[in-house]
Amino acid sequence: MCRKINKRIVFTISFLLLFLSSSFAADLRVHFIDVGQGDSILVIGTNNKKLLIDTGDHYKNTESENKRNAFKYIEKLKTAGVIDDLVLDYVLLTHYDTDHYKGFNYLCKPDNGKNKPDYFIGSFYYGREESNLQQVIQCIQRYSPGKQTIKQVSARGPPEIDLGEQVTVSTIYPFENLAGFSKKGEKNDNSIVLKITYKNNSFLLTGDISKKTEKLLLNKDISATVLKVGHHGSETSSSPDFLDALKLDYAVISANDKDYGEDGKKNYGHPTNDALKRLKERIEASNFYRTDLHGSIVFTSDGDGITVEPTNSQVPESLLWKSGEKRK
């Protein structure tokens, strides 16, 4: 009788330990932030370290600025108790288009700069002299002197990024140092392409690369669970061969022209019909997300499965495959 009871106790304890370990298993969280026309992705590692990839644009329109600011989004996460502090452990800019880096201007305002904790600027690549970007960095440092460390991306990509056990951040592109390679009009194809892997799940983040760079990546391990679609769903990206090589389950387009034209900037009509058609042939509607329709979107991975929480989940399929409105 005692032996049977002991066996039951051992089994019960073992089951509880297994349940508790799985219940408290750390998750990788990837926030695709709705910054309007542009990119900004916040990755929170299993160790709670934070990597911000791109910062969106800077809006002159106050209402747009309030809605489309990556740093205000992060502040809201802190207020909601999703994160413990505002410190960014790593910041990486994929390339130097204004809709990817100029959101930093928010930190250039004296009040915002003084109230911010010590942001760590983790990795930059200087291909060409970008005076506007340098001015943004300098003004951030002016309000938080000595608080930022700026490192150049090496030939193989950024310095090692620690987002926790079993999480790897790999640089898929560039293959070599791009110094001296940048030419006018080629900033998009100089984009840093990252692959973030947690056990059986992976995220491929492609900046603004075009079909030209996609072709170069076909002989690399680019299979991914989630794709951040290149160049906001432009017709120049998302080639059929590239999409087929990914074997992806989910796709996200980060674009929103709604406030862009009102701010005196050109509307590009992202995403385009061509890119949407190619995606529609390869992915289920239920696994396709757009920041212009869904708002900010949070992917949570436990390493095996993925859950998705869009700000707006009520998006009709008729809108999902409709292109953006292009205005001059």
C-alpha atoms as a PDB file:
ATOM      1  CA  MET A   1       0.000   0.000   0.000  1.00  0.00           C
ATOM      2  CA  CYS A   2       2.794   2.434   0.942  1.00  0.00           C
ATOM      3  CA  ARG A   3       4.623   1.704  -2.270  1.00  0.00           C
ATOM      4  CA  LYS A   4       1.472   2.496  -4.289  1.00  0.00           C
ATOM      5  CA  ILE A   5       0.960   5.738  -2.372  1.00  0.00           C
ATOM      6  CA  ASN A   6       4.616   6.672  -2.805  1.00  0.00           C
ATOM      7  CA  LYS A   7       4.397   6.030  -6.530  1.00  0.00           C
ATOM      8  CA  ARG A   8       1.298   8.195  -6.743  1.00  0.00           C
ATOM      9  CA  ILE A   9       3.007  10.984  -4.794  1.00  0.00           C
ATOM     10  CA  VAL A  10       6.097  10.819  -6.998  1.00  0.00           C
ATOM     11  CA  PHE A  11       3.931  10.855 -10.124  1.00  0.00           C
ATOM     12  CA  THR A  12       1.890  13.811  -8.832  1.00  0.00           C
ATOM     13  CA  ILE A  13       4.996  15.813  -7.913  1.00  0.00           C
ATOM     14  CA  SER A  14       6.612  15.046 -11.274  1.00  0.00           C
ATOM     15  CA  PHE A  15       3.472  16.123 -13.121  1.00  0.00           C
ATOM     16  CA  LEU A  16       3.262  19.378 -11.135  1.00  0.00           C
ATOM     17  CA  LEU A  17       6.904  20.177 -11.794  1.00  0.00           C
ATOM     18  CA  LEU A  18       6.422  19.544 -15.498  1.00  0.00           C
ATOM     19  CA  PHE A  19       3.284  21.707 -15.512  1.00  0.00           C
ATOM     20  CA  LEU A  20       4.953  24.522 -13.616  1.00  0.00           C
ATOM     21  CA  SER A  21       8.063  24.478 -15.790  1.00  0.00           C
ATOM     22  CA  SER A  22       5.978  24.673 -18.949  1.00  0.00           C
ATOM     23  CA  SER A  23       3.662  27.325 -17.472  1.00  0.00           C
ATOM     24  CA  PHE A  24       6.551  29.608 -16.614  1.00  0.00           C
ATOM     25  CA  ALA A  25       8.581  28.944 -19.740  1.00  0.00           C
ATOM     26  CA  ALA A  26       9.965  32.191 -21.108  1.00  0.00           C
ATOM     27  CA  ASP A  27       8.508  33.614 -24.295  1.00  0.00           C
ATOM     28  CA  LEU A  28       9.991  35.639 -27.130  1.00  0.00           C
ATOM     29  CA  ARG A  29       7.790  38.614 -28.010  1.00  0.00           C
ATOM     30  CA  VAL A  30       7.987  40.535 -31.272  1.00  0.00           C
ATOM     31  CA  HIS A  31       6.006  43.782 -31.552  1.00  0.00           C
ATOM     32  CA  PHE A  32       5.418  45.143 -35.050  1.00  0.00           C
ATOM     33  CA  ILE A  33       4.623  48.731 -34.090  1.00  0.00           C
ATOM     34  CA  ASP A  34       2.219  50.814 -36.165  1.00  0.00           C
ATOM     35  CA  VAL A  35       4.409  53.846 -36.859  1.00  0.00           C
ATOM     36  CA  GLY A  36       2.515  54.858 -39.982  1.00  0.00           C
ATOM     37  CA  GLN A  37       4.510  54.667 -43.205  1.00  0.00           C
ATOM     38  CA  GLY A  38       7.677  53.021 -41.968  1.00  0.00           C
ATOM     39  CA  ASP A  39       9.161  50.237 -39.865  1.00  0.00           C
ATOM     40  CA  SER A  40       9.680  49.781 -36.152  1.00  0.00           C
ATOM     41  CA  ILE A  41       9.969  46.392 -34.470  1.00  0.00           C
ATOM     42  CA  LEU A  42      10.468  45.808 -30.755  1.00  0.00           C
ATOM     43  CA  VAL A  43      11.844  42.386 -29.816  1.00  0.00           C
ATOM     44  CA  ILE A  44      11.672  41.373 -26.145  1.00  0.00           C
ATOM     45  CA  GLY A  45      13.893  38.386 -25.454  1.00  0.00           C
ATOM     46  CA  THR A  46      13.300  35.477 -23.117  1.00  0.00           C
ATOM     47  CA  ASN A  47      15.674  37.288 -20.743  1.00  0.00           C
ATOM     48  CA  ASN A  48      13.559  40.486 -21.061  1.00  0.00           C
ATOM     49  CA  LYS A  49      16.308  42.340 -22.888  1.00  0.00           C
ATOM     50  CA  LYS A  50      14.971  44.657 -25.572  1.00  0.00           C
ATOM     51  CA  LEU A  51      16.050  45.143 -29.182  1.00  0.00           C
ATOM     52  CA  LEU A  52      14.477  47.960 -31.197  1.00  0.00           C
ATOM     53  CA  ILE A  53      14.843  47.615 -34.956  1.00  0.00           C
ATOM     54  CA  ASP A  54      14.160  50.922 -36.755  1.00  0.00           C
ATOM     55  CA  THR A  55      12.124  53.792 -35.303  1.00  0.00           C
ATOM     56  CA  GLY A  56       9.714  54.913 -38.011  1.00  0.00           C
ATOM     57  CA  ASP A  57       9.496  58.491 -39.292  1.00  0.00           C
ATOM     58  CA  HIS A  58       9.101  61.797 -37.483  1.00  0.00           C
ATOM     59  CA  TYR A  59       5.722  63.475 -37.971  1.00  0.00           C
ATOM     60  CA  LYS A  60       5.200  67.227 -37.860  1.00  0.00           C
ATOM     61  CA  ASN A  61       1.493  66.692 -37.286  1.00  0.00           C
ATOM     62  CA  THR A  62       1.053  66.423 -33.506  1.00  0.00           C
ATOM     63  CA  GLU A  63      -1.874  63.995 -33.691  1.00  0.00           C
ATOM     64  CA  SER A  64       0.062  61.690 -36.025  1.00  0.00           C
ATOM     65  CA  GLU A  65       3.120  61.962 -33.809  1.00  0.00           C
ATOM     66  CA  ASN A  66       1.097  60.881 -30.788  1.00  0.00           C
ATOM     67  CA  LYS A  67      -0.338  57.872 -32.621  1.00  0.00           C
ATOM     68  CA  ARG A  68       2.708  56.774 -34.622  1.00  0.00           C
ATOM     69  CA  ASN A  69       5.654  57.110 -32.265  1.00  0.00           C
ATOM     70  CA  ALA A  70       7.647  53.987 -31.373  1.00  0.00           C
ATOM     71  CA  PHE A  71       8.941  55.450 -28.112  1.00  0.00           C
ATOM     72  CA  LYS A  72       5.466  56.417 -26.926  1.00  0.00           C
ATOM     73  CA  TYR A  73       4.373  52.862 -27.712  1.00  0.00           C
ATOM     74  CA  ILE A  74       7.184  51.564 -25.494  1.00  0.00           C
ATOM     75  CA  GLU A  75       6.141  53.994 -22.738  1.00  0.00           C
ATOM     76  CA  LYS A  76       2.614  52.550 -22.876  1.00  0.00           C
ATOM     77  CA  LEU A  77       4.025  49.040 -22.464  1.00  0.00           C
ATOM     78  CA  LYS A  78       5.776  50.237 -19.301  1.00  0.00           C
ATOM     79  CA  THR A  79       2.581  51.863 -17.978  1.00  0.00           C
ATOM     80  CA  ALA A  80       0.657  48.639 -18.648  1.00  0.00           C
ATOM     81  CA  GLY A  81       3.273  46.582 -16.795  1.00  0.00           C
ATOM     82  CA  VAL A  82       4.294  44.632 -19.916  1.00  0.00           C
ATOM     83  CA  ILE A  83       7.911  45.728 -19.431  1.00  0.00           C
ATOM     84  CA  ASP A  84       9.732  46.723 -16.242  1.00  0.00           C
ATOM     85  CA  ASP A  85      11.640  49.712 -17.613  1.00  0.00           C
ATOM     86  CA  LEU A  86      12.168  51.814 -20.729  1.00  0.00           C
ATOM     87  CA  VAL A  87      15.821  50.978 -21.252  1.00  0.00           C
ATOM     88  CA  LEU A  88      16.617  49.630 -24.698  1.00  0.00           C
ATOM     89  CA  ASP A  89      19.512  47.190 -24.627  1.00  0.00           C
ATOM     90  CA  TYR A  90      20.041  47.293 -28.394  1.00  0.00           C
ATOM     91  CA  VAL A  91      18.885  49.568 -31.207  1.00  0.00           C
ATOM     92  CA  LEU A  92      19.577  48.623 -34.792  1.00  0.00           C
ATOM     93  CA  LEU A  93      18.790  50.623 -37.914  1.00  0.00           C
ATOM     94  CA  THR A  94      18.396  48.525 -41.022  1.00  0.00           C
ATOM     95  CA  HIS A  95      19.243  51.459 -43.330  1.00  0.00           C
ATOM     96  CA  TYR A  96      18.966  55.229 -43.595  1.00  0.00           C
ATOM     97  CA  ASP A  97      15.591  56.015 -45.094  1.00  0.00           C
ATOM     98  CA  THR A  98      13.706  58.589 -43.055  1.00  0.00           C
ATOM     99  CA  ASP A  99      10.778  56.229 -42.389  1.00  0.00           C
ATOM    100  CA  HIS A 100      13.204  53.890 -40.617  1.00  0.00           C
ATOM    101  CA  TYR A 101      15.363  56.207 -38.502  1.00  0.00           C
ATOM    102  CA  LYS A 102      13.849  59.653 -38.142  1.00  0.00           C
ATOM    103  CA  GLY A 103      11.530  58.662 -35.298  1.00  0.00           C
ATOM    104  CA  PHE A 104      14.573  59.279 -33.106  1.00  0.00           C
ATOM    105  CA  ASN A 105      13.698  62.970 -33.361  1.00  0.00           C
ATOM    106  CA  TYR A 106      11.235  62.371 -30.535  1.00  0.00           C
ATOM    107  CA  LEU A 107      14.200  61.913 -28.196  1.00  0.00           C
ATOM    108  CA  CYS A 108      15.751  65.142 -29.437  1.00  0.00           C
ATOM    109  CA  LYS A 109      13.212  67.271 -27.614  1.00  0.00           C
ATOM    110  CA  PRO A 110      14.681  68.508 -24.321  1.00  0.00           C
ATOM    111  CA  ASP A 111      11.779  67.341 -22.148  1.00  0.00           C
ATOM    112  CA  ASN A 112      11.688  63.876 -23.692  1.00  0.00           C
ATOM    113  CA  GLY A 113      15.466  63.559 -23.520  1.00  0.00           C
ATOM    114  CA  LYS A 114      15.589  64.495 -19.846  1.00  0.00           C
ATOM    115  CA  ASN A 115      12.809  62.130 -18.911  1.00  0.00           C
ATOM    116  CA  LYS A 116      14.255  59.169 -20.765  1.00  0.00           C
ATOM    117  CA  PRO A 117      16.382  56.500 -19.142  1.00  0.00           C
ATOM    118  CA  ASP A 118      19.718  55.519 -20.639  1.00  0.00           C
ATOM    119  CA  TYR A 119      18.952  54.352 -24.120  1.00  0.00           C
ATOM    120  CA  PHE A 120      21.699  52.196 -25.508  1.00  0.00           C
ATOM    121  CA  ILE A 121      22.274  52.699 -29.210  1.00  0.00           C
ATOM    122  CA  GLY A 122      23.669  49.334 -30.108  1.00  0.00           C
ATOM    123  CA  SER A 123      24.554  49.069 -33.743  1.00  0.00           C
ATOM    124  CA  PHE A 124      24.902  51.417 -36.679  1.00  0.00           C
ATOM    125  CA  TYR A 125      26.431  51.040 -40.108  1.00  0.00           C
ATOM    126  CA  TYR A 126      27.925  54.088 -41.780  1.00  0.00           C
ATOM    127  CA  GLY A 127      28.105  53.358 -45.481  1.00  0.00           C
ATOM    128  CA  ARG A 128      27.846  56.925 -46.687  1.00  0.00           C
ATOM    129  CA  GLU A 129      28.044  60.073 -44.625  1.00  0.00           C
ATOM    130  CA  GLU A 130      24.481  60.642 -43.456  1.00  0.00           C
ATOM    131  CA  SER A 131      24.506  64.116 -41.922  1.00  0.00           C
ATOM    132  CA  ASN A 132      20.826  64.067 -40.931  1.00  0.00           C
ATOM    133  CA  LEU A 133      21.218  60.823 -39.024  1.00  0.00           C
ATOM    134  CA  GLN A 134      24.368  62.097 -37.330  1.00  0.00           C
ATOM    135  CA  GLN A 135      22.507  65.211 -36.189  1.00  0.00           C
ATOM    136  CA  VAL A 136      19.795  63.030 -34.639  1.00  0.00           C
ATOM    137  CA  ILE A 137      22.381  60.937 -32.772  1.00  0.00           C
ATOM    138  CA  GLN A 138      24.203  64.042 -31.566  1.00  0.00           C
ATOM    139  CA  CYS A 139      21.059  65.643 -30.188  1.00  0.00           C
ATOM    140  CA  ILE A 140      20.166  62.449 -28.275  1.00  0.00           C
ATOM    141  CA  GLN A 141      23.648  62.416 -26.775  1.00  0.00           C
ATOM    142  CA  ARG A 142      23.358  66.092 -25.900  1.00  0.00           C
ATOM    143  CA  TYR A 143      20.414  65.426 -23.591  1.00  0.00           C
ATOM    144  CA  SER A 144      21.895  62.207 -22.183  1.00  0.00           C
ATOM    145  CA  PRO A 145      25.659  62.731 -22.432  1.00  0.00           C
ATOM    146  CA  GLY A 146      27.734  59.599 -22.145  1.00  0.00           C
ATOM    147  CA  LYS A 147      24.701  57.348 -22.100  1.00  0.00           C
ATOM    148  CA  GLN A 148      24.892  55.980 -25.630  1.00  0.00           C
ATOM    149  CA  THR A 149      27.423  53.622 -27.118  1.00  0.00           C
ATOM    150  CA  ILE A 150      27.557  53.666 -30.896  1.00  0.00           C
ATOM    151  CA  LYS A 151      29.051  50.695 -32.689  1.00  0.00           C
ATOM    152  CA  GLN A 152      29.544  50.231 -36.400  1.00  0.00           C
ATOM    153  CA  VAL A 153      28.056  47.139 -37.963  1.00  0.00           C
ATOM    154  CA  SER A 154      30.897  44.851 -38.971  1.00  0.00           C
ATOM    155  CA  ALA A 155      31.358  42.975 -42.215  1.00  0.00           C
ATOM    156  CA  ARG A 156      29.206  40.170 -40.816  1.00  0.00           C
ATOM    157  CA  GLY A 157      26.559  42.361 -39.276  1.00  0.00           C
ATOM    158  CA  PRO A 158      25.937  43.740 -35.780  1.00  0.00           C
ATOM    159  CA  PRO A 159      27.768  42.808 -32.584  1.00  0.00           C
ATOM    160  CA  GLU A 160      26.425  39.816 -30.690  1.00  0.00           C
ATOM    161  CA  ILE A 161      22.903  40.412 -29.440  1.00  0.00           C
ATOM    162  CA  ASP A 162      21.851  38.483 -26.335  1.00  0.00           C
ATOM    163  CA  LEU A 163      18.085  37.918 -26.174  1.00  0.00           C
ATOM    164  CA  GLY A 164      18.186  34.877 -23.931  1.00  0.00           C
ATOM    165  CA  GLU A 165      18.871  31.157 -24.000  1.00  0.00           C
ATOM    166  CA  GLN A 166      18.140  29.387 -27.276  1.00  0.00           C
ATOM    167  CA  VAL A 167      17.445  32.715 -29.005  1.00  0.00           C
ATOM    168  CA  THR A 168      19.835  33.498 -31.850  1.00  0.00           C
ATOM    169  CA  VAL A 169      20.057  36.714 -33.853  1.00  0.00           C
ATOM    170  CA  SER A 170      21.752  36.027 -37.193  1.00  0.00           C
ATOM    171  CA  THR A 171      22.752  38.521 -39.847  1.00  0.00           C
ATOM    172  CA  ILE A 172      21.681  37.104 -43.202  1.00  0.00           C
ATOM    173  CA  TYR A 173      22.730  40.209 -45.134  1.00  0.00           C
ATOM    174  CA  PRO A 174      25.030  42.045 -45.821  1.00  0.00           C
ATOM    175  CA  PHE A 175      27.605  39.406 -46.725  1.00  0.00           C
ATOM    176  CA  GLU A 176      30.469  41.885 -46.507  1.00  0.00           C
ATOM    177  CA  ASN A 177      31.261  45.369 -45.279  1.00  0.00           C
ATOM    178  CA  LEU A 178      29.278  47.813 -47.384  1.00  0.00           C
ATOM    179  CA  ALA A 179      31.641  50.739 -46.801  1.00  0.00           C
ATOM    180  CA  GLY A 180      32.166  52.476 -50.115  1.00  0.00           C
ATOM    181  CA  PHE A 181      29.464  50.313 -51.695  1.00  0.00           C
ATOM    182  CA  SER A 182      26.489  52.567 -51.068  1.00  0.00           C
ATOM    183  CA  LYS A 183      25.322  54.497 -54.074  1.00  0.00           C
ATOM    184  CA  LYS A 184      22.459  56.886 -54.515  1.00  0.00           C
ATOM    185  CA  GLY A 185      19.232  54.914 -54.804  1.00  0.00           C
ATOM    186  CA  GLU A 186      20.717  51.726 -53.322  1.00  0.00           C
ATOM    187  CA  LYS A 187      19.993  52.358 -49.664  1.00  0.00           C
ATOM    188  CA  ASN A 188      17.134  49.864 -49.732  1.00  0.00           C
ATOM    189  CA  ASP A 189      19.359  47.048 -50.964  1.00  0.00           C
ATOM    190  CA  ASN A 190      21.896  47.878 -48.278  1.00  0.00           C
ATOM    191  CA  SER A 191      19.306  46.974 -45.630  1.00  0.00           C
ATOM    192  CA  ILE A 192      20.449  44.694 -42.834  1.00  0.00           C
ATOM    193  CA  VAL A 193      18.449  41.453 -42.935  1.00  0.00           C
ATOM    194  CA  LEU A 194      18.090  39.678 -39.580  1.00  0.00           C
ATOM    195  CA  LYS A 195      16.832  36.229 -38.700  1.00  0.00           C
ATOM    196  CA  ILE A 196      15.754  35.761 -35.094  1.00  0.00           C
ATOM    197  CA  THR A 197      15.290  32.127 -34.069  1.00  0.00           C
ATOM    198  CA  TYR A 198      13.808  30.693 -30.888  1.00  0.00           C
ATOM    199  CA  LYS A 199      13.759  26.896 -30.928  1.00  0.00           C
ATOM    200  CA  ASN A 200      11.330  25.932 -33.717  1.00  0.00           C
ATOM    201  CA  ASN A 201      10.175  29.460 -34.558  1.00  0.00           C
ATOM    202  CA  SER A 202      11.990  32.090 -36.595  1.00  0.00           C
ATOM    203  CA  PHE A 203      11.385  35.662 -37.751  1.00  0.00           C
ATOM    204  CA  LEU A 204      12.958  37.040 -40.952  1.00  0.00           C
ATOM    205  CA  LEU A 205      13.176  40.842 -40.873  1.00  0.00           C
ATOM    206  CA  THR A 206      14.055  42.213 -44.293  1.00  0.00           C
ATOM    207  CA  GLY A 207      14.160  46.015 -44.086  1.00  0.00           C
ATOM    208  CA  ASP A 208      13.530  47.462 -47.546  1.00  0.00           C
ATOM    209  CA  ILE A 209      15.375  44.933 -49.706  1.00  0.00           C
ATOM    210  CA  SER A 210      14.221  44.474 -53.298  1.00  0.00           C
ATOM    211  CA  LYS A 211      14.131  41.450 -55.601  1.00  0.00           C
ATOM    212  CA  LYS A 212      17.793  42.129 -56.412  1.00  0.00           C
ATOM    213  CA  THR A 213      18.900  41.300 -52.856  1.00  0.00           C
ATOM    214  CA  GLU A 214      16.245  38.613 -52.435  1.00  0.00           C
ATOM    215  CA  LYS A 215      17.888  36.728 -55.306  1.00  0.00           C
ATOM    216  CA  LEU A 216      21.244  36.863 -53.501  1.00  0.00           C
ATOM    217  CA  LEU A 217      19.662  35.263 -50.431  1.00  0.00           C
ATOM    218  CA  LEU A 218      18.204  32.214 -52.165  1.00  0.00           C
ATOM    219  CA  ASN A 219      21.211  30.027 -51.331  1.00  0.00           C
ATOM    220  CA  LYS A 220      21.057  31.011 -47.638  1.00  0.00           C
ATOM    221  CA  ASP A 221      18.952  29.509 -44.860  1.00  0.00           C
ATOM    222  CA  ILE A 222      16.041  31.921 -45.077  1.00  0.00           C
ATOM    223  CA  SER A 223      13.244  29.550 -44.111  1.00  0.00           C
ATOM    224  CA  ALA A 224      11.114  31.356 -41.536  1.00  0.00           C
ATOM    225  CA  THR A 225       7.906  31.054 -39.572  1.00  0.00           C
ATOM    226  CA  VAL A 226       7.207  34.788 -39.820  1.00  0.00           C
ATOM    227  CA  LEU A 227       8.248  37.212 -42.558  1.00  0.00           C
ATOM    228  CA  LYS A 228       8.359  40.973 -42.204  1.00  0.00           C
ATOM    229  CA  VAL A 229       7.577  41.679 -45.865  1.00  0.00           C
ATOM    230  CA  GLY A 230      10.262  43.697 -47.651  1.00  0.00           C
ATOM    231  CA  HIS A 231       9.810  47.403 -48.427  1.00  0.00           C
ATOM    232  CA  HIS A 232       6.302  47.728 -46.980  1.00  0.00           C
ATOM    233  CA  GLY A 233       4.772  45.497 -49.634  1.00  0.00           C
ATOM    234  CA  SER A 234       6.286  47.366 -52.577  1.00  0.00           C
ATOM    235  CA  GLU A 235       6.015  45.837 -56.056  1.00  0.00           C
ATOM    236  CA  THR A 236       9.841  45.765 -56.162  1.00  0.00           C
ATOM    237  CA  SER A 237       9.986  43.140 -53.380  1.00  0.00           C
ATOM    238  CA  SER A 238       8.483  39.748 -52.486  1.00  0.00           C
ATOM    239  CA  SER A 239       9.542  37.846 -55.598  1.00  0.00           C
ATOM    240  CA  PRO A 240       7.934  34.409 -56.120  1.00  0.00           C
ATOM    241  CA  ASP A 241      11.190  32.452 -55.720  1.00  0.00           C
ATOM    242  CA  PHE A 242      11.993  34.274 -52.499  1.00  0.00           C
ATOM    243  CA  LEU A 243       8.567  33.659 -50.973  1.00  0.00           C
ATOM    244  CA  ASP A 244       8.685  29.991 -51.964  1.00  0.00           C
ATOM    245  CA  ALA A 245      12.087  29.540 -50.303  1.00  0.00           C
ATOM    246  CA  LEU A 246      10.793  30.936 -47.007  1.00  0.00           C
ATOM    247  CA  LYS A 247       8.215  28.199 -46.353  1.00  0.00           C
ATOM    248  CA  LEU A 248       6.547  30.691 -44.067  1.00  0.00           C
ATOM    249  CA  ASP A 249       3.410  30.461 -41.947  1.00  0.00           C
ATOM    250  CA  TYR A 250       2.855  34.166 -41.219  1.00  0.00           C
ATOM    251  CA  ALA A 251       3.544  37.457 -42.972  1.00  0.00           C
ATOM    252  CA  VAL A 252       3.412  41.057 -41.735  1.00  0.00           C
ATOM    253  CA  ILE A 253       3.415  44.260 -43.773  1.00  0.00           C
ATOM    254  CA  SER A 254       4.406  47.418 -41.935  1.00  0.00           C
ATOM    255  CA  ALA A 255       2.920  50.362 -43.822  1.00  0.00           C
ATOM    256  CA  ASN A 256       0.322  53.060 -43.299  1.00  0.00           C
ATOM    257  CA  ASP A 257      -0.014  55.955 -45.707  1.00  0.00           C
ATOM    258  CA  LYS A 258      -3.127  57.360 -44.023  1.00  0.00           C
ATOM    259  CA  ASP A 259      -1.306  60.102 -42.115  1.00  0.00           C
ATOM    260  CA  TYR A 260       1.628  60.461 -44.468  1.00  0.00           C
ATOM    261  CA  GLY A 261       0.030  62.645 -47.129  1.00  0.00           C
ATOM    262  CA  GLU A 262      -1.523  64.863 -44.473  1.00  0.00           C
ATOM    263  CA  ASP A 263       1.964  65.504 -43.146  1.00  0.00           C
ATOM    264  CA  GLY A 264       3.127  66.904 -46.458  1.00  0.00           C
ATOM    265  CA  LYS A 265       4.805  63.689 -47.582  1.00  0.00           C
ATOM    266  CA  LYS A 266       4.184  61.508 -50.588  1.00  0.00           C
ATOM    267  CA  ASN A 267       1.819  58.549 -50.314  1.00  0.00           C
ATOM    268  CA  TYR A 268       3.393  55.489 -51.913  1.00  0.00           C
ATOM    269  CA  GLY A 269       0.330  53.260 -52.105  1.00  0.00           C
ATOM    270  CA  HIS A 270       1.873  50.534 -49.951  1.00  0.00           C
ATOM    271  CA  PRO A 271       1.179  47.687 -50.015  1.00  0.00           C
ATOM    272  CA  THR A 272       0.858  47.243 -53.777  1.00  0.00           C
ATOM    273  CA  ASN A 273      -1.418  44.946 -55.772  1.00  0.00           C
ATOM    274  CA  ASP A 274       1.549  42.999 -57.208  1.00  0.00           C
ATOM    275  CA  ALA A 275       3.035  42.104 -53.823  1.00  0.00           C
ATOM    276  CA  LEU A 276      -0.369  41.301 -52.319  1.00  0.00           C
ATOM    277  CA  LYS A 277      -1.199  38.954 -55.193  1.00  0.00           C
ATOM    278  CA  ARG A 278       2.016  36.997 -54.692  1.00  0.00           C
ATOM    279  CA  LEU A 279       1.416  36.748 -50.946  1.00  0.00           C
ATOM    280  CA  LYS A 280      -2.212  35.721 -51.378  1.00  0.00           C
ATOM    281  CA  GLU A 281      -1.129  32.734 -53.471  1.00  0.00           C
ATOM    282  CA  ARG A 282       1.118  31.496 -50.651  1.00  0.00           C
ATOM    283  CA  ILE A 283      -0.419  32.335 -47.304  1.00  0.00           C
ATOM    284  CA  GLU A 284      -3.728  31.981 -45.501  1.00  0.00           C
ATOM    285  CA  ALA A 285      -5.650  35.192 -44.900  1.00  0.00           C
ATOM    286  CA  SER A 286      -5.872  34.345 -41.190  1.00  0.00           C
ATOM    287  CA  ASN A 287      -2.053  34.389 -40.977  1.00  0.00           C
ATOM    288  CA  PHE A 288      -1.524  37.683 -42.814  1.00  0.00           C
ATOM    289  CA  TYR A 289      -1.302  40.996 -40.962  1.00  0.00           C
ATOM    290  CA  ARG A 290      -0.933  44.671 -41.914  1.00  0.00           C
ATOM    291  CA  THR A 291      -0.229  47.540 -39.546  1.00  0.00           C
ATOM    292  CA  ASP A 292      -2.434  49.873 -41.616  1.00  0.00           C
ATOM    293  CA  LEU A 293      -5.402  47.582 -40.884  1.00  0.00           C
ATOM    294  CA  HIS A 294      -4.522  45.675 -37.705  1.00  0.00           C
ATOM    295  CA  GLY A 295      -2.564  48.427 -35.934  1.00  0.00           C
ATOM    296  CA  SER A 296       0.368  47.229 -33.845  1.00  0.00           C
ATOM    297  CA  ILE A 297       0.718  43.438 -33.846  1.00  0.00           C
ATOM    298  CA  VAL A 298       2.347  41.292 -31.147  1.00  0.00           C
ATOM    299  CA  PHE A 299       3.719  37.824 -31.927  1.00  0.00           C
ATOM    300  CA  THR A 300       4.471  35.644 -28.896  1.00  0.00           C
ATOM    301  CA  SER A 301       6.541  32.483 -29.319  1.00  0.00           C
ATOM    302  CA  ASP A 302       7.168  29.790 -26.717  1.00  0.00           C
ATOM    303  CA  GLY A 303       9.622  28.204 -29.140  1.00  0.00           C
ATOM    304  CA  ASP A 304       7.109  25.730 -30.515  1.00  0.00           C
ATOM    305  CA  GLY A 305       3.883  27.617 -31.166  1.00  0.00           C
ATOM    306  CA  ILE A 306       3.013  31.219 -31.947  1.00  0.00           C
ATOM    307  CA  THR A 307       0.114  33.387 -30.828  1.00  0.00           C
ATOM    308  CA  VAL A 308      -0.762  36.670 -32.510  1.00  0.00           C
ATOM    309  CA  GLU A 309      -2.470  39.663 -30.900  1.00  0.00           C
ATOM    310  CA  PRO A 310      -3.333  42.513 -33.279  1.00  0.00           C
ATOM    311  CA  THR A 311      -4.671  45.765 -31.868  1.00  0.00           C
ATOM    312  CA  ASN A 312      -7.587  45.441 -34.281  1.00  0.00           C
ATOM    313  CA  SER A 313      -8.668  41.867 -34.937  1.00  0.00           C
ATOM    314  CA  GLN A 314     -11.831  42.751 -36.883  1.00  0.00           C
ATOM    315  CA  VAL A 315     -10.395  43.157 -40.381  1.00  0.00           C
ATOM    316  CA  PRO A 316     -12.623  42.002 -43.286  1.00  0.00           C
ATOM    317  CA  GLU A 317     -10.856  39.771 -45.783  1.00  0.00           C
ATOM    318  CA  SER A 318     -12.062  42.089 -48.555  1.00  0.00           C
ATOM    319  CA  LEU A 319      -9.783  44.801 -47.135  1.00  0.00           C
ATOM    320  CA  LEU A 320      -6.883  42.485 -46.371  1.00  0.00           C
ATOM    321  CA  TRP A 321      -5.890  42.037 -50.018  1.00  0.00           C
ATOM    322  CA  LYS A 322      -6.679  45.600 -51.092  1.00  0.00           C
ATOM    323  CA  SER A 323      -3.734  47.788 -52.001  1.00  0.00           C
ATOM    324  CA  GLY A 324      -2.898  51.084 -50.360  1.00  0.00           C
ATOM    325  CA  GLU A 325      -4.123  54.345 -51.825  1.00  0.00           C
ATOM    326  CA  LYS A 326      -1.458  56.143 -53.817  1.00  0.00           C
ATOM    327  CA  ARG A 327      -1.608  59.935 -53.829  1.00  0.00           C
ATOM    328  CA  LYS A 328       0.867  62.487 -55.078  1.00  0.00           C
END
